[in-house]
Amino acid sequence: RRAVDKQVAYGMLQRSADGTLSAS
């Protein structure tokens, strides 16, 4: 979860409210 947080912060991943991941 922390790794995903970082990748969202880097603008590489997008995460929806239900936890679904997609590429930015």
mmCIF file of all heavy atoms, coordinates in Angstrom:
data_MODEL
# 
_entry.id   MODEL 
# 
loop_
_atom_site.group_PDB 
_atom_site.id 
_atom_site.type_symbol 
_atom_site.label_atom_id 
_atom_site.label_alt_id 
_atom_site.label_comp_id 
_atom_site.label_asym_id 
_atom_site.label_entity_id 
_atom_site.label_seq_id 
_atom_site.pdbx_PDB_ins_code 
_atom_site.Cartn_x 
_atom_site.Cartn_y 
_atom_site.Cartn_z 
_atom_site.occupancy 
_atom_site.B_iso_or_equiv 
_atom_site.pdbx_formal_charge 
_atom_site.auth_seq_id 
_atom_site.auth_comp_id 
_atom_site.auth_asym_id 
_atom_site.auth_atom_id 
_atom_site.pdbx_PDB_model_num 
ATOM 1   N N   . ARG A 1 1  ? 0.833   -1.200 0.000   1.00 0.00 ? 1  ARG A N   1 
ATOM 2   C CA  . ARG A 1 1  ? 0.000   0.000  0.000   1.00 0.00 ? 1  ARG A CA  1 
ATOM 3   C C   . ARG A 1 1  ? 0.868   1.251  0.000   1.00 0.00 ? 1  ARG A C   1 
ATOM 4   O O   . ARG A 1 1  ? 0.576   2.219  -0.730  1.00 0.00 ? 1  ARG A O   1 
ATOM 5   C CB  . ARG A 1 1  ? -0.931  -0.017 1.212   1.00 0.00 ? 1  ARG A CB  1 
ATOM 6   C CG  . ARG A 1 1  ? -1.923  1.139  1.228   1.00 0.00 ? 1  ARG A CG  1 
ATOM 7   C CD  . ARG A 1 1  ? -3.015  0.930  2.247   1.00 0.00 ? 1  ARG A CD  1 
ATOM 8   N NE  . ARG A 1 1  ? -2.503  0.803  3.603   1.00 0.00 ? 1  ARG A NE  1 
ATOM 9   C CZ  . ARG A 1 1  ? -2.494  -0.334 4.299   1.00 0.00 ? 1  ARG A CZ  1 
ATOM 10  N NH1 . ARG A 1 1  ? -2.956  -1.449 3.765   1.00 0.00 ? 1  ARG A NH1 1 
ATOM 11  N NH2 . ARG A 1 1  ? -2.024  -0.371 5.529   1.00 0.00 ? 1  ARG A NH2 1 
ATOM 12  N N   . ARG A 1 2  ? 1.951   1.228  0.768   1.00 0.00 ? 2  ARG A N   1 
ATOM 13  C CA  . ARG A 1 2  ? 2.846   2.388  0.798   1.00 0.00 ? 2  ARG A CA  1 
ATOM 14  C C   . ARG A 1 2  ? 3.549   2.573  -0.543  1.00 0.00 ? 2  ARG A C   1 
ATOM 15  O O   . ARG A 1 2  ? 3.745   3.708  -0.998  1.00 0.00 ? 2  ARG A O   1 
ATOM 16  C CB  . ARG A 1 2  ? 3.866   2.211  1.919   1.00 0.00 ? 2  ARG A CB  1 
ATOM 17  C CG  . ARG A 1 2  ? 3.266   2.351  3.319   1.00 0.00 ? 2  ARG A CG  1 
ATOM 18  C CD  . ARG A 1 2  ? 4.269   1.994  4.396   1.00 0.00 ? 2  ARG A CD  1 
ATOM 19  N NE  . ARG A 1 2  ? 3.707   2.178  5.731   1.00 0.00 ? 2  ARG A NE  1 
ATOM 20  C CZ  . ARG A 1 2  ? 4.263   1.724  6.842   1.00 0.00 ? 2  ARG A CZ  1 
ATOM 21  N NH1 . ARG A 1 2  ? 5.419   1.059  6.781   1.00 0.00 ? 2  ARG A NH1 1 
ATOM 22  N NH2 . ARG A 1 2  ? 3.687   1.926  8.006   1.00 0.00 ? 2  ARG A NH2 1 
ATOM 23  N N   . ALA A 1 3  ? 3.915   1.464  -1.184  1.00 0.00 ? 3  ALA A N   1 
ATOM 24  C CA  . ALA A 1 3  ? 4.556   1.552  -2.492  1.00 0.00 ? 3  ALA A CA  1 
ATOM 25  C C   . ALA A 1 3  ? 3.601   2.138  -3.528  1.00 0.00 ? 3  ALA A C   1 
ATOM 26  O O   . ALA A 1 3  ? 3.990   2.975  -4.347  1.00 0.00 ? 3  ALA A O   1 
ATOM 27  C CB  . ALA A 1 3  ? 5.042   0.173  -2.943  1.00 0.00 ? 3  ALA A CB  1 
ATOM 28  N N   . VAL A 1 4  ? 2.336   1.722  -3.470  1.00 0.00 ? 4  VAL A N   1 
ATOM 29  C CA  . VAL A 1 4  ? 1.340   2.283  -4.381  1.00 0.00 ? 4  VAL A CA  1 
ATOM 30  C C   . VAL A 1 4  ? 1.146   3.768  -4.094  1.00 0.00 ? 4  VAL A C   1 
ATOM 31  O O   . VAL A 1 4  ? 1.042   4.578  -5.024  1.00 0.00 ? 4  VAL A O   1 
ATOM 32  C CB  . VAL A 1 4  ? 0.003   1.522  -4.262  1.00 0.00 ? 4  VAL A CB  1 
ATOM 33  C CG1 . VAL A 1 4  ? -1.101  2.265  -5.013  1.00 0.00 ? 4  VAL A CG1 1 
ATOM 34  C CG2 . VAL A 1 4  ? 0.149   0.107  -4.816  1.00 0.00 ? 4  VAL A CG2 1 
ATOM 35  N N   . ASP A 1 5  ? 1.123   4.137  -2.815  1.00 0.00 ? 5  ASP A N   1 
ATOM 36  C CA  . ASP A 1 5  ? 1.003   5.552  -2.456  1.00 0.00 ? 5  ASP A CA  1 
ATOM 37  C C   . ASP A 1 5  ? 2.091   6.379  -3.142  1.00 0.00 ? 5  ASP A C   1 
ATOM 38  O O   . ASP A 1 5  ? 1.837   7.461  -3.686  1.00 0.00 ? 5  ASP A O   1 
ATOM 39  C CB  . ASP A 1 5  ? 1.114   5.736  -0.939  1.00 0.00 ? 5  ASP A CB  1 
ATOM 40  C CG  . ASP A 1 5  ? -0.087  5.209  -0.176  1.00 0.00 ? 5  ASP A CG  1 
ATOM 41  O OD1 . ASP A 1 5  ? -1.144  4.992  -0.811  1.00 0.00 ? 5  ASP A OD1 1 
ATOM 42  O OD2 . ASP A 1 5  ? 0.029   5.019  1.051   1.00 0.00 ? 5  ASP A OD2 1 
ATOM 43  N N   . LYS A 1 6  ? 3.322   5.860  -3.110  1.00 0.00 ? 6  LYS A N   1 
ATOM 44  C CA  . LYS A 1 6  ? 4.441   6.576  -3.723  1.00 0.00 ? 6  LYS A CA  1 
ATOM 45  C C   . LYS A 1 6  ? 4.271   6.678  -5.233  1.00 0.00 ? 6  LYS A C   1 
ATOM 46  O O   . LYS A 1 6  ? 4.536   7.723  -5.839  1.00 0.00 ? 6  LYS A O   1 
ATOM 47  C CB  . LYS A 1 6  ? 5.762   5.873  -3.405  1.00 0.00 ? 6  LYS A CB  1 
ATOM 48  C CG  . LYS A 1 6  ? 6.205   5.993  -1.957  1.00 0.00 ? 6  LYS A CG  1 
ATOM 49  C CD  . LYS A 1 6  ? 7.527   5.271  -1.736  1.00 0.00 ? 6  LYS A CD  1 
ATOM 50  C CE  . LYS A 1 6  ? 7.968   5.370  -0.278  1.00 0.00 ? 6  LYS A CE  1 
ATOM 51  N NZ  . LYS A 1 6  ? 9.250   4.650  -0.047  1.00 0.00 ? 6  LYS A NZ  1 
ATOM 52  N N   . GLN A 1 7  ? 3.813   5.603  -5.843  1.00 0.00 ? 7  GLN A N   1 
ATOM 53  C CA  . GLN A 1 7  ? 3.688   5.613  -7.296  1.00 0.00 ? 7  GLN A CA  1 
ATOM 54  C C   . GLN A 1 7  ? 2.534   6.499  -7.759  1.00 0.00 ? 7  GLN A C   1 
ATOM 55  O O   . GLN A 1 7  ? 2.590   7.085  -8.832  1.00 0.00 ? 7  GLN A O   1 
ATOM 56  C CB  . GLN A 1 7  ? 3.559   4.163  -7.785  1.00 0.00 ? 7  GLN A CB  1 
ATOM 57  C CG  . GLN A 1 7  ? 4.895   3.425  -7.660  1.00 0.00 ? 7  GLN A CG  1 
ATOM 58  C CD  . GLN A 1 7  ? 4.802   1.926  -7.687  1.00 0.00 ? 7  GLN A CD  1 
ATOM 59  O OE1 . GLN A 1 7  ? 4.061   1.352  -8.479  1.00 0.00 ? 7  GLN A OE1 1 
ATOM 60  N NE2 . GLN A 1 7  ? 5.564   1.266  -6.814  1.00 0.00 ? 7  GLN A NE2 1 
ATOM 61  N N   . VAL A 1 8  ? 1.512   6.610  -6.916  1.00 0.00 ? 8  VAL A N   1 
ATOM 62  C CA  . VAL A 1 8  ? 0.449   7.584  -7.189  1.00 0.00 ? 8  VAL A CA  1 
ATOM 63  C C   . VAL A 1 8  ? 1.014   9.003  -7.049  1.00 0.00 ? 8  VAL A C   1 
ATOM 64  O O   . VAL A 1 8  ? 0.756   9.882  -7.881  1.00 0.00 ? 8  VAL A O   1 
ATOM 65  C CB  . VAL A 1 8  ? -0.745  7.362  -6.239  1.00 0.00 ? 8  VAL A CB  1 
ATOM 66  C CG1 . VAL A 1 8  ? -1.744  8.517  -6.346  1.00 0.00 ? 8  VAL A CG1 1 
ATOM 67  C CG2 . VAL A 1 8  ? -1.436  6.032  -6.544  1.00 0.00 ? 8  VAL A CG2 1 
ATOM 68  N N   . ALA A 1 9  ? 1.806   9.217  -5.995  1.00 0.00 ? 9  ALA A N   1 
ATOM 69  C CA  . ALA A 1 9  ? 2.400   10.544 -5.777  1.00 0.00 ? 9  ALA A CA  1 
ATOM 70  C C   . ALA A 1 9  ? 3.357   10.928 -6.900  1.00 0.00 ? 9  ALA A C   1 
ATOM 71  O O   . ALA A 1 9  ? 3.444   12.113 -7.261  1.00 0.00 ? 9  ALA A O   1 
ATOM 72  C CB  . ALA A 1 9  ? 3.138   10.564 -4.433  1.00 0.00 ? 9  ALA A CB  1 
ATOM 73  N N   . TYR A 1 10 ? 4.053   9.964  -7.468  1.00 0.00 ? 10 TYR A N   1 
ATOM 74  C CA  . TYR A 1 10 ? 4.945   10.223 -8.599  1.00 0.00 ? 10 TYR A CA  1 
ATOM 75  C C   . TYR A 1 10 ? 4.172   10.484 -9.896  1.00 0.00 ? 10 TYR A C   1 
ATOM 76  O O   . TYR A 1 10 ? 4.767   10.850 -10.910 1.00 0.00 ? 10 TYR A O   1 
ATOM 77  C CB  . TYR A 1 10 ? 5.874   9.030  -8.823  1.00 0.00 ? 10 TYR A CB  1 
ATOM 78  C CG  . TYR A 1 10 ? 7.161   9.058  -8.042  1.00 0.00 ? 10 TYR A CG  1 
ATOM 79  C CD1 . TYR A 1 10 ? 7.330   8.261  -6.907  1.00 0.00 ? 10 TYR A CD1 1 
ATOM 80  C CD2 . TYR A 1 10 ? 8.232   9.848  -8.442  1.00 0.00 ? 10 TYR A CD2 1 
ATOM 81  C CE1 . TYR A 1 10 ? 8.513   8.256  -6.190  1.00 0.00 ? 10 TYR A CE1 1 
ATOM 82  C CE2 . TYR A 1 10 ? 9.426   9.848  -7.731  1.00 0.00 ? 10 TYR A CE2 1 
ATOM 83  C CZ  . TYR A 1 10 ? 9.564   9.051  -6.610  1.00 0.00 ? 10 TYR A CZ  1 
ATOM 84  O OH  . TYR A 1 10 ? 10.755  9.058  -5.912  1.00 0.00 ? 10 TYR A OH  1 
ATOM 85  N N   . GLY A 1 11 ? 2.875   10.267 -9.865  1.00 0.00 ? 11 GLY A N   1 
ATOM 86  C CA  . GLY A 1 11 ? 2.073   10.495 -11.061 1.00 0.00 ? 11 GLY A CA  1 
ATOM 87  C C   . GLY A 1 11 ? 2.163   9.370  -12.072 1.00 0.00 ? 11 GLY A C   1 
ATOM 88  O O   . GLY A 1 11 ? 1.885   9.569  -13.256 1.00 0.00 ? 11 GLY A O   1 
ATOM 89  N N   . MET A 1 12 ? 2.499   8.153  -11.609 1.00 0.00 ? 12 MET A N   1 
ATOM 90  C CA  . MET A 1 12 ? 2.617   7.006  -12.502 1.00 0.00 ? 12 MET A CA  1 
ATOM 91  C C   . MET A 1 12 ? 1.372   6.115  -12.461 1.00 0.00 ? 12 MET A C   1 
ATOM 92  O O   . MET A 1 12 ? 0.982   5.534  -13.472 1.00 0.00 ? 12 MET A O   1 
ATOM 93  C CB  . MET A 1 12 ? 3.842   6.177  -12.116 1.00 0.00 ? 12 MET A CB  1 
ATOM 94  C CG  . MET A 1 12 ? 5.153   6.936  -12.206 1.00 0.00 ? 12 MET A CG  1 
ATOM 95  S SD  . MET A 1 12 ? 5.629   7.290  -13.909 1.00 0.00 ? 12 MET A SD  1 
ATOM 96  C CE  . MET A 1 12 ? 6.391   5.734  -14.367 1.00 0.00 ? 12 MET A CE  1 
ATOM 97  N N   . LEU A 1 13 ? 0.771   6.005  -11.295 1.00 0.00 ? 13 LEU A N   1 
ATOM 98  C CA  . LEU A 1 13 ? -0.444  5.224  -11.113 1.00 0.00 ? 13 LEU A CA  1 
ATOM 99  C C   . LEU A 1 13 ? -1.591  6.127  -10.712 1.00 0.00 ? 13 LEU A C   1 
ATOM 100 O O   . LEU A 1 13 ? -1.392  7.163  -10.065 1.00 0.00 ? 13 LEU A O   1 
ATOM 101 C CB  . LEU A 1 13 ? -0.254  4.163  -10.021 1.00 0.00 ? 13 LEU A CB  1 
ATOM 102 C CG  . LEU A 1 13 ? 0.527   2.894  -10.333 1.00 0.00 ? 13 LEU A CG  1 
ATOM 103 C CD1 . LEU A 1 13 ? 0.655   2.054  -9.077  1.00 0.00 ? 13 LEU A CD1 1 
ATOM 104 C CD2 . LEU A 1 13 ? -0.134  2.097  -11.442 1.00 0.00 ? 13 LEU A CD2 1 
ATOM 105 N N   . GLN A 1 14 ? -2.801  5.691  -11.048 1.00 0.00 ? 14 GLN A N   1 
ATOM 106 C CA  . GLN A 1 14 ? -4.018  6.313  -10.549 1.00 0.00 ? 14 GLN A CA  1 
ATOM 107 C C   . GLN A 1 14 ? -4.777  5.250  -9.761  1.00 0.00 ? 14 GLN A C   1 
ATOM 108 O O   . GLN A 1 14 ? -4.806  4.084  -10.138 1.00 0.00 ? 14 GLN A O   1 
ATOM 109 C CB  . GLN A 1 14 ? -4.867  6.828  -11.707 1.00 0.00 ? 14 GLN A CB  1 
ATOM 110 C CG  . GLN A 1 14 ? -4.199  7.950  -12.479 1.00 0.00 ? 14 GLN A CG  1 
ATOM 111 C CD  . GLN A 1 14 ? -5.012  8.386  -13.686 1.00 0.00 ? 14 GLN A CD  1 
ATOM 112 O OE1 . GLN A 1 14 ? -5.755  7.606  -14.260 1.00 0.00 ? 14 GLN A OE1 1 
ATOM 113 N NE2 . GLN A 1 14 ? -4.849  9.642  -14.077 1.00 0.00 ? 14 GLN A NE2 1 
ATOM 114 N N   . ARG A 1 15 ? -5.377  5.674  -8.647  1.00 0.00 ? 15 ARG A N   1 
ATOM 115 C CA  . ARG A 1 15 ? -6.101  4.733  -7.800  1.00 0.00 ? 15 ARG A CA  1 
ATOM 116 C C   . ARG A 1 15 ? -7.483  5.292  -7.525  1.00 0.00 ? 15 ARG A C   1 
ATOM 117 O O   . ARG A 1 15 ? -7.634  6.422  -7.056  1.00 0.00 ? 15 ARG A O   1 
ATOM 118 C CB  . ARG A 1 15 ? -5.341  4.517  -6.494  1.00 0.00 ? 15 ARG A CB  1 
ATOM 119 C CG  . ARG A 1 15 ? -6.030  3.578  -5.514  1.00 0.00 ? 15 ARG A CG  1 
ATOM 120 C CD  . ARG A 1 15 ? -5.136  3.302  -4.306  1.00 0.00 ? 15 ARG A CD  1 
ATOM 121 N NE  . ARG A 1 15 ? -4.615  4.551  -3.741  1.00 0.00 ? 15 ARG A NE  1 
ATOM 122 C CZ  . ARG A 1 15 ? -3.567  4.614  -2.922  1.00 0.00 ? 15 ARG A CZ  1 
ATOM 123 N NH1 . ARG A 1 15 ? -2.924  3.511  -2.583  1.00 0.00 ? 15 ARG A NH1 1 
ATOM 124 N NH2 . ARG A 1 15 ? -3.156  5.770  -2.445  1.00 0.00 ? 15 ARG A NH2 1 
ATOM 125 N N   . SER A 1 16 ? -8.497  4.497  -7.816  1.00 0.00 ? 16 SER A N   1 
ATOM 126 C CA  . SER A 1 16 ? -9.872  4.937  -7.568  1.00 0.00 ? 16 SER A CA  1 
ATOM 127 C C   . SER A 1 16 ? -10.244 4.678  -6.116  1.00 0.00 ? 16 SER A C   1 
ATOM 128 O O   . SER A 1 16 ? -9.502  4.050  -5.357  1.00 0.00 ? 16 SER A O   1 
ATOM 129 C CB  . SER A 1 16 ? -10.835 4.204  -8.506  1.00 0.00 ? 16 SER A CB  1 
ATOM 130 O OG  . SER A 1 16 ? -10.824 2.824  -8.229  1.00 0.00 ? 16 SER A OG  1 
ATOM 131 N N   . ALA A 1 17 ? -11.409 5.134  -5.733  1.00 0.00 ? 17 ALA A N   1 
ATOM 132 C CA  . ALA A 1 17 ? -11.840 5.022  -4.338  1.00 0.00 ? 17 ALA A CA  1 
ATOM 133 C C   . ALA A 1 17 ? -11.946 3.578  -3.879  1.00 0.00 ? 17 ALA A C   1 
ATOM 134 O O   . ALA A 1 17 ? -11.748 3.279  -2.691  1.00 0.00 ? 17 ALA A O   1 
ATOM 135 C CB  . ALA A 1 17 ? -13.183 5.729  -4.157  1.00 0.00 ? 17 ALA A CB  1 
ATOM 136 N N   . ASP A 1 18 ? -12.246 2.657  -4.802  1.00 0.00 ? 18 ASP A N   1 
ATOM 137 C CA  . ASP A 1 18 ? -12.378 1.244  -4.419  1.00 0.00 ? 18 ASP A CA  1 
ATOM 138 C C   . ASP A 1 18 ? -11.058 0.484  -4.518  1.00 0.00 ? 18 ASP A C   1 
ATOM 139 O O   . ASP A 1 18 ? -11.029 -0.737 -4.353  1.00 0.00 ? 18 ASP A O   1 
ATOM 140 C CB  . ASP A 1 18 ? -13.451 0.548  -5.254  1.00 0.00 ? 18 ASP A CB  1 
ATOM 141 C CG  . ASP A 1 18 ? -13.079 0.457  -6.734  1.00 0.00 ? 18 ASP A CG  1 
ATOM 142 O OD1 . ASP A 1 18 ? -11.994 0.949  -7.135  1.00 0.00 ? 18 ASP A OD1 1 
ATOM 143 O OD2 . ASP A 1 18 ? -13.877 -0.109 -7.504  1.00 0.00 ? 18 ASP A OD2 1 
ATOM 144 N N   . GLY A 1 19 ? -9.955  1.196  -4.769  1.00 0.00 ? 19 GLY A N   1 
ATOM 145 C CA  . GLY A 1 19 ? -8.646  0.570  -4.819  1.00 0.00 ? 19 GLY A CA  1 
ATOM 146 C C   . GLY A 1 19 ? -8.215  0.089  -6.185  1.00 0.00 ? 19 GLY A C   1 
ATOM 147 O O   . GLY A 1 19 ? -7.110  -0.459 -6.333  1.00 0.00 ? 19 GLY A O   1 
ATOM 148 N N   . THR A 1 20 ? -9.035  0.278  -7.207  1.00 0.00 ? 20 THR A N   1 
ATOM 149 C CA  . THR A 1 20 ? -8.668  -0.136 -8.559  1.00 0.00 ? 20 THR A CA  1 
ATOM 150 C C   . THR A 1 20 ? -7.529  0.729  -9.078  1.00 0.00 ? 20 THR A C   1 
ATOM 151 O O   . THR A 1 20 ? -7.549  1.956  -8.931  1.00 0.00 ? 20 THR A O   1 
ATOM 152 C CB  . THR A 1 20 ? -9.875  -0.033 -9.503  1.00 0.00 ? 20 THR A CB  1 
ATOM 153 O OG1 . THR A 1 20 ? -10.887 -0.947 -9.065  1.00 0.00 ? 20 THR A OG1 1 
ATOM 154 C CG2 . THR A 1 20 ? -9.493  -0.364 -10.936 1.00 0.00 ? 20 THR A CG2 1 
ATOM 155 N N   . LEU A 1 21 ? -6.535  0.081  -9.698  1.00 0.00 ? 21 LEU A N   1 
ATOM 156 C CA  . LEU A 1 21 ? -5.353  0.771  -10.205 1.00 0.00 ? 21 LEU A CA  1 
ATOM 157 C C   . LEU A 1 21 ? -5.396  0.874  -11.723 1.00 0.00 ? 21 LEU A C   1 
ATOM 158 O O   . LEU A 1 21 ? -5.837  -0.045 -12.412 1.00 0.00 ? 21 LEU A O   1 
ATOM 159 C CB  . LEU A 1 21 ? -4.084  0.028  -9.792  1.00 0.00 ? 21 LEU A CB  1 
ATOM 160 C CG  . LEU A 1 21 ? -3.830  -0.131 -8.295  1.00 0.00 ? 21 LEU A CG  1 
ATOM 161 C CD1 . LEU A 1 21 ? -2.575  -0.966 -8.064  1.00 0.00 ? 21 LEU A CD1 1 
ATOM 162 C CD2 . LEU A 1 21 ? -3.714  1.226  -7.615  1.00 0.00 ? 21 LEU A CD2 1 
ATOM 163 N N   . SER A 1 22 ? -4.917  1.997  -12.214 1.00 0.00 ? 22 SER A N   1 
ATOM 164 C CA  . SER A 1 22 ? -4.745  2.192  -13.656 1.00 0.00 ? 22 SER A CA  1 
ATOM 165 C C   . SER A 1 22 ? -3.515  3.050  -13.861 1.00 0.00 ? 22 SER A C   1 
ATOM 166 O O   . SER A 1 22 ? -3.001  3.673  -12.921 1.00 0.00 ? 22 SER A O   1 
ATOM 167 C CB  . SER A 1 22 ? -5.985  2.858  -14.278 1.00 0.00 ? 22 SER A CB  1 
ATOM 168 O OG  . SER A 1 22 ? -6.232  4.113  -13.668 1.00 0.00 ? 22 SER A OG  1 
ATOM 169 N N   . ALA A 1 23 ? -3.006  3.056  -15.086 1.00 0.00 ? 23 ALA A N   1 
ATOM 170 C CA  . ALA A 1 23 ? -1.828  3.860  -15.397 1.00 0.00 ? 23 ALA A CA  1 
ATOM 171 C C   . ALA A 1 23 ? -2.247  5.294  -15.695 1.00 0.00 ? 23 ALA A C   1 
ATOM 172 O O   . ALA A 1 23 ? -3.254  5.540  -16.364 1.00 0.00 ? 23 ALA A O   1 
ATOM 173 C CB  . ALA A 1 23 ? -1.086  3.272  -16.590 1.00 0.00 ? 23 ALA A CB  1 
ATOM 174 N N   . SER A 1 24 ? -1.478  6.239  -15.187 1.00 0.00 ? 24 SER A N   1 
ATOM 175 C CA  . SER A 1 24 ? -1.672  7.630  -15.572 1.00 0.00 ? 24 SER A CA  1 
ATOM 176 C C   . SER A 1 24 ? -1.135  7.826  -16.989 1.00 0.00 ? 24 SER A C   1 
ATOM 177 O O   . SER A 1 24 ? -0.563  6.906  -17.592 1.00 0.00 ? 24 SER A O   1 
ATOM 178 C CB  . SER A 1 24 ? -0.910  8.537  -14.615 1.00 0.00 ? 24 SER A CB  1 
ATOM 179 O OG  . SER A 1 24 ? 0.489   8.312  -14.781 1.00 0.00 ? 24 SER A OG  1 
# 
